[in-house]
Amino acid sequence: MKPKLNNLITLLLILGTFAFMMEAQERVSSFAQKELSEWASLLPVNSTNQTQDSLEQYSHNTSLLYSFLSEDSKKVNSVNN
């Protein structure tokens, strides 16, 4: 009887730890989402796409958001424009 009780207690401790970790992950994710959305709302957004005829890399206007996009996203966006 004693080993079954030990196994049950161990199982309940593992399940409790898992539930605690899931709740903590949910809270951290929602907090991070809220903070990042507030931070992102402060970023300037360029709504007009101006093309420069210069080959110099520093003469082009680029949105900060666009600079963080992956190369695949940039290709999709340039095809859609």
N, C-alpha and C. Protein backbone atom coordinates (compact mmCIF):
# COMPACT_ATOMS: atom_id res chain seq x y z
N MET A 1 0.82 -1.18 0.00
CA MET A 1 0.00 0.00 0.00
C MET A 1 0.87 1.26 0.00
N LYS A 2 1.99 1.20 0.69
CA LYS A 2 2.84 2.37 0.83
C LYS A 2 3.46 2.82 -0.51
N PRO A 3 3.99 1.90 -1.37
CA PRO A 3 4.55 2.35 -2.65
C PRO A 3 3.50 3.02 -3.55
N LYS A 4 2.24 2.53 -3.51
CA LYS A 4 1.20 3.14 -4.34
C LYS A 4 0.92 4.57 -3.87
N LEU A 5 0.94 4.78 -2.55
CA LEU A 5 0.70 6.11 -2.01
C LEU A 5 1.85 7.05 -2.38
N ASN A 6 3.07 6.53 -2.33
CA ASN A 6 4.23 7.34 -2.72
C ASN A 6 4.15 7.71 -4.21
N ASN A 7 3.75 6.76 -5.03
CA ASN A 7 3.61 7.03 -6.46
C ASN A 7 2.52 8.06 -6.72
N LEU A 8 1.42 7.96 -5.98
CA LEU A 8 0.31 8.91 -6.13
C LEU A 8 0.75 10.31 -5.73
N ILE A 9 1.45 10.42 -4.63
CA ILE A 9 1.94 11.72 -4.17
C ILE A 9 2.92 12.31 -5.18
N THR A 10 3.81 11.47 -5.69
CA THR A 10 4.76 11.93 -6.70
C THR A 10 4.04 12.41 -7.95
N LEU A 11 3.05 11.67 -8.39
CA LEU A 11 2.28 12.06 -9.56
C LEU A 11 1.56 13.38 -9.34
N LEU A 12 0.96 13.56 -8.16
CA LEU A 12 0.26 14.81 -7.85
C LEU A 12 1.23 15.99 -7.79
N LEU A 13 2.42 15.76 -7.25
CA LEU A 13 3.43 16.82 -7.22
C LEU A 13 3.88 17.21 -8.63
N ILE A 14 4.06 16.22 -9.47
CA ILE A 14 4.45 16.49 -10.86
C ILE A 14 3.35 17.26 -11.59
N LEU A 15 2.10 16.83 -11.42
CA LEU A 15 0.98 17.53 -12.06
C LEU A 15 0.83 18.95 -11.54
N GLY A 16 0.99 19.13 -10.23
CA GLY A 16 0.92 20.47 -9.65
C GLY A 16 2.00 21.38 -10.17
N THR A 17 3.22 20.85 -10.30
CA THR A 17 4.33 21.62 -10.83
C THR A 17 4.07 22.00 -12.29
N PHE A 18 3.54 21.06 -13.06
CA PHE A 18 3.23 21.32 -14.46
C PHE A 18 2.15 22.40 -14.57
N ALA A 19 1.11 22.32 -13.75
CA ALA A 19 0.04 23.32 -13.78
C ALA A 19 0.58 24.69 -13.38
N PHE A 20 1.45 24.74 -12.39
CA PHE A 20 2.06 25.99 -11.97
C PHE A 20 2.89 26.60 -13.09
N MET A 21 3.69 25.77 -13.76
CA MET A 21 4.53 26.26 -14.86
C MET A 21 3.69 26.76 -16.03
N MET A 22 2.59 26.08 -16.33
CA MET A 22 1.71 26.53 -17.41
C MET A 22 1.08 27.89 -17.07
N GLU A 23 0.65 28.06 -15.84
CA GLU A 23 0.05 29.32 -15.41
C GLU A 23 1.09 30.44 -15.45
N ALA A 24 2.29 30.16 -15.00
CA ALA A 24 3.36 31.16 -15.02
C ALA A 24 3.69 31.56 -16.45
N GLN A 25 3.74 30.58 -17.34
CA GLN A 25 4.04 30.87 -18.75
C GLN A 25 2.94 31.73 -19.36
N GLU A 26 1.70 31.47 -19.02
CA GLU A 26 0.58 32.26 -19.54
C GLU A 26 0.66 33.70 -19.04
N ARG A 27 0.97 33.87 -17.78
CA ARG A 27 1.06 35.23 -17.21
C ARG A 27 2.23 36.00 -17.80
N VAL A 28 3.37 35.35 -17.95
CA VAL A 28 4.53 36.01 -18.54
C VAL A 28 4.25 36.38 -19.99
N SER A 29 3.60 35.50 -20.73
CA SER A 29 3.28 35.78 -22.14
C SER A 29 2.33 36.96 -22.27
N SER A 30 1.31 37.00 -21.44
CA SER A 30 0.36 38.11 -21.53
C SER A 30 1.01 39.42 -21.11
N PHE A 31 1.87 39.39 -20.10
CA PHE A 31 2.57 40.60 -19.69
C PHE A 31 3.52 41.08 -20.79
N ALA A 32 4.26 40.15 -21.40
CA ALA A 32 5.18 40.52 -22.47
C ALA A 32 4.43 41.07 -23.67
N GLN A 33 3.30 40.47 -24.01
CA GLN A 33 2.49 40.95 -25.14
C GLN A 33 2.01 42.37 -24.89
N LYS A 34 1.56 42.64 -23.67
CA LYS A 34 1.07 43.97 -23.32
C LYS A 34 2.20 45.00 -23.39
N GLU A 35 3.34 44.67 -22.81
CA GLU A 35 4.47 45.60 -22.81
C GLU A 35 5.01 45.83 -24.22
N LEU A 36 5.10 44.76 -25.01
CA LEU A 36 5.61 44.93 -26.37
C LEU A 36 4.65 45.72 -27.25
N SER A 37 3.34 45.55 -27.05
CA SER A 37 2.39 46.32 -27.85
C SER A 37 2.45 47.80 -27.47
N GLU A 38 2.65 48.10 -26.19
CA GLU A 38 2.81 49.50 -25.79
C GLU A 38 4.09 50.08 -26.37
N TRP A 39 5.17 49.31 -26.36
CA TRP A 39 6.44 49.78 -26.91
C TRP A 39 6.33 49.95 -28.42
N ALA A 40 5.68 49.02 -29.08
CA ALA A 40 5.54 49.10 -30.54
C ALA A 40 4.67 50.27 -30.96
N SER A 41 3.71 50.66 -30.13
CA SER A 41 2.87 51.80 -30.49
C SER A 41 3.64 53.10 -30.47
N LEU A 42 4.79 53.14 -29.83
CA LEU A 42 5.62 54.34 -29.79
C LEU A 42 6.54 54.46 -31.01
N LEU A 43 6.69 53.39 -31.76
CA LEU A 43 7.58 53.41 -32.92
C LEU A 43 6.98 54.24 -34.05
N PRO A 44 7.81 54.98 -34.76
CA PRO A 44 7.29 55.72 -35.92
C PRO A 44 7.00 54.77 -37.07
N VAL A 45 5.94 55.06 -37.79
CA VAL A 45 5.56 54.24 -38.92
C VAL A 45 5.57 55.11 -40.17
N ASN A 46 6.32 54.68 -41.17
CA ASN A 46 6.34 55.41 -42.45
C ASN A 46 5.24 54.83 -43.32
N SER A 47 4.22 55.62 -43.61
CA SER A 47 3.12 55.13 -44.43
C SER A 47 3.38 55.30 -45.91
N THR A 48 4.30 56.19 -46.28
CA THR A 48 4.60 56.39 -47.70
C THR A 48 5.89 55.67 -48.04
N ASN A 49 5.90 55.03 -49.16
CA ASN A 49 7.10 54.33 -49.64
C ASN A 49 7.79 55.21 -50.66
N GLN A 50 8.89 55.84 -50.27
CA GLN A 50 9.63 56.69 -51.17
C GLN A 50 10.81 55.91 -51.71
N THR A 51 11.00 55.96 -53.00
CA THR A 51 12.14 55.27 -53.59
C THR A 51 13.23 56.28 -53.86
N GLN A 52 14.43 55.90 -53.59
CA GLN A 52 15.60 56.74 -53.81
C GLN A 52 16.36 56.18 -55.00
N ASP A 53 16.90 57.06 -55.81
CA ASP A 53 17.66 56.62 -56.98
C ASP A 53 19.14 56.46 -56.67
N SER A 54 19.53 56.68 -55.44
CA SER A 54 20.93 56.60 -55.05
C SER A 54 21.29 55.15 -54.71
N LEU A 55 22.54 54.81 -54.96
CA LEU A 55 23.03 53.48 -54.60
C LEU A 55 23.61 53.46 -53.19
N GLU A 56 23.77 54.63 -52.58
CA GLU A 56 24.32 54.68 -51.23
C GLU A 56 23.31 54.13 -50.24
N GLN A 57 23.75 53.23 -49.38
CA GLN A 57 22.82 52.54 -48.48
C GLN A 57 22.24 53.46 -47.41
N TYR A 58 22.93 54.52 -47.04
CA TYR A 58 22.45 55.39 -45.97
C TYR A 58 21.50 56.47 -46.47
N SER A 59 21.28 56.57 -47.76
CA SER A 59 20.39 57.61 -48.28
C SER A 59 18.95 57.13 -48.40
N HIS A 60 18.69 55.88 -48.12
CA HIS A 60 17.34 55.32 -48.23
C HIS A 60 16.60 55.43 -46.91
N ASN A 61 15.31 55.78 -46.99
CA ASN A 61 14.45 55.81 -45.81
C ASN A 61 13.86 54.42 -45.61
N THR A 62 14.05 53.87 -44.43
CA THR A 62 13.55 52.53 -44.14
C THR A 62 12.81 52.54 -42.81
N SER A 63 11.66 51.91 -42.79
CA SER A 63 10.91 51.80 -41.55
C SER A 63 11.64 50.87 -40.60
N LEU A 64 11.61 51.20 -39.32
CA LEU A 64 12.25 50.35 -38.32
C LEU A 64 11.61 48.97 -38.30
N LEU A 65 10.29 48.92 -38.46
CA LEU A 65 9.60 47.64 -38.48
C LEU A 65 10.05 46.81 -39.67
N TYR A 66 10.21 47.45 -40.84
CA TYR A 66 10.63 46.75 -42.04
C TYR A 66 12.03 46.17 -41.89
N SER A 67 12.88 46.84 -41.14
CA SER A 67 14.24 46.36 -40.98
C SER A 67 14.31 45.10 -40.12
N PHE A 68 13.28 44.85 -39.28
CA PHE A 68 13.27 43.65 -38.46
C PHE A 68 12.63 42.46 -39.17
N LEU A 69 11.98 42.67 -40.28
CA LEU A 69 11.32 41.57 -40.98
C LEU A 69 12.35 40.61 -41.56
N SER A 70 11.94 39.38 -41.68
CA SER A 70 12.84 38.40 -42.30
C SER A 70 12.89 38.64 -43.80
N GLU A 71 13.85 38.07 -44.44
CA GLU A 71 14.01 38.26 -45.88
C GLU A 71 12.80 37.74 -46.66
N ASP A 72 12.19 36.65 -46.21
CA ASP A 72 11.01 36.11 -46.88
C ASP A 72 9.84 37.08 -46.81
N SER A 73 9.66 37.73 -45.67
CA SER A 73 8.58 38.69 -45.52
C SER A 73 8.79 39.89 -46.42
N LYS A 74 10.04 40.31 -46.55
CA LYS A 74 10.33 41.45 -47.42
C LYS A 74 10.00 41.13 -48.87
N LYS A 75 10.32 39.89 -49.29
CA LYS A 75 10.02 39.49 -50.67
C LYS A 75 8.52 39.48 -50.92
N VAL A 76 7.75 38.97 -49.97
CA VAL A 76 6.29 38.92 -50.12
C VAL A 76 5.73 40.33 -50.18
N ASN A 77 6.22 41.23 -49.30
CA ASN A 77 5.73 42.59 -49.30
C ASN A 77 6.10 43.34 -50.56
N SER A 78 7.29 43.10 -51.10
CA SER A 78 7.68 43.81 -52.31
C SER A 78 6.91 43.31 -53.52
N VAL A 79 6.49 42.06 -53.51
CA VAL A 79 5.69 41.53 -54.61
C VAL A 79 4.27 42.11 -54.55
N ASN A 80 3.74 42.27 -53.34
CA ASN A 80 2.39 42.79 -53.19
C ASN A 80 2.29 44.27 -53.51
N ASN A 81 3.38 45.03 -53.38
CA ASN A 81 3.33 46.48 -53.64
C ASN A 81 3.37 46.76 -55.08
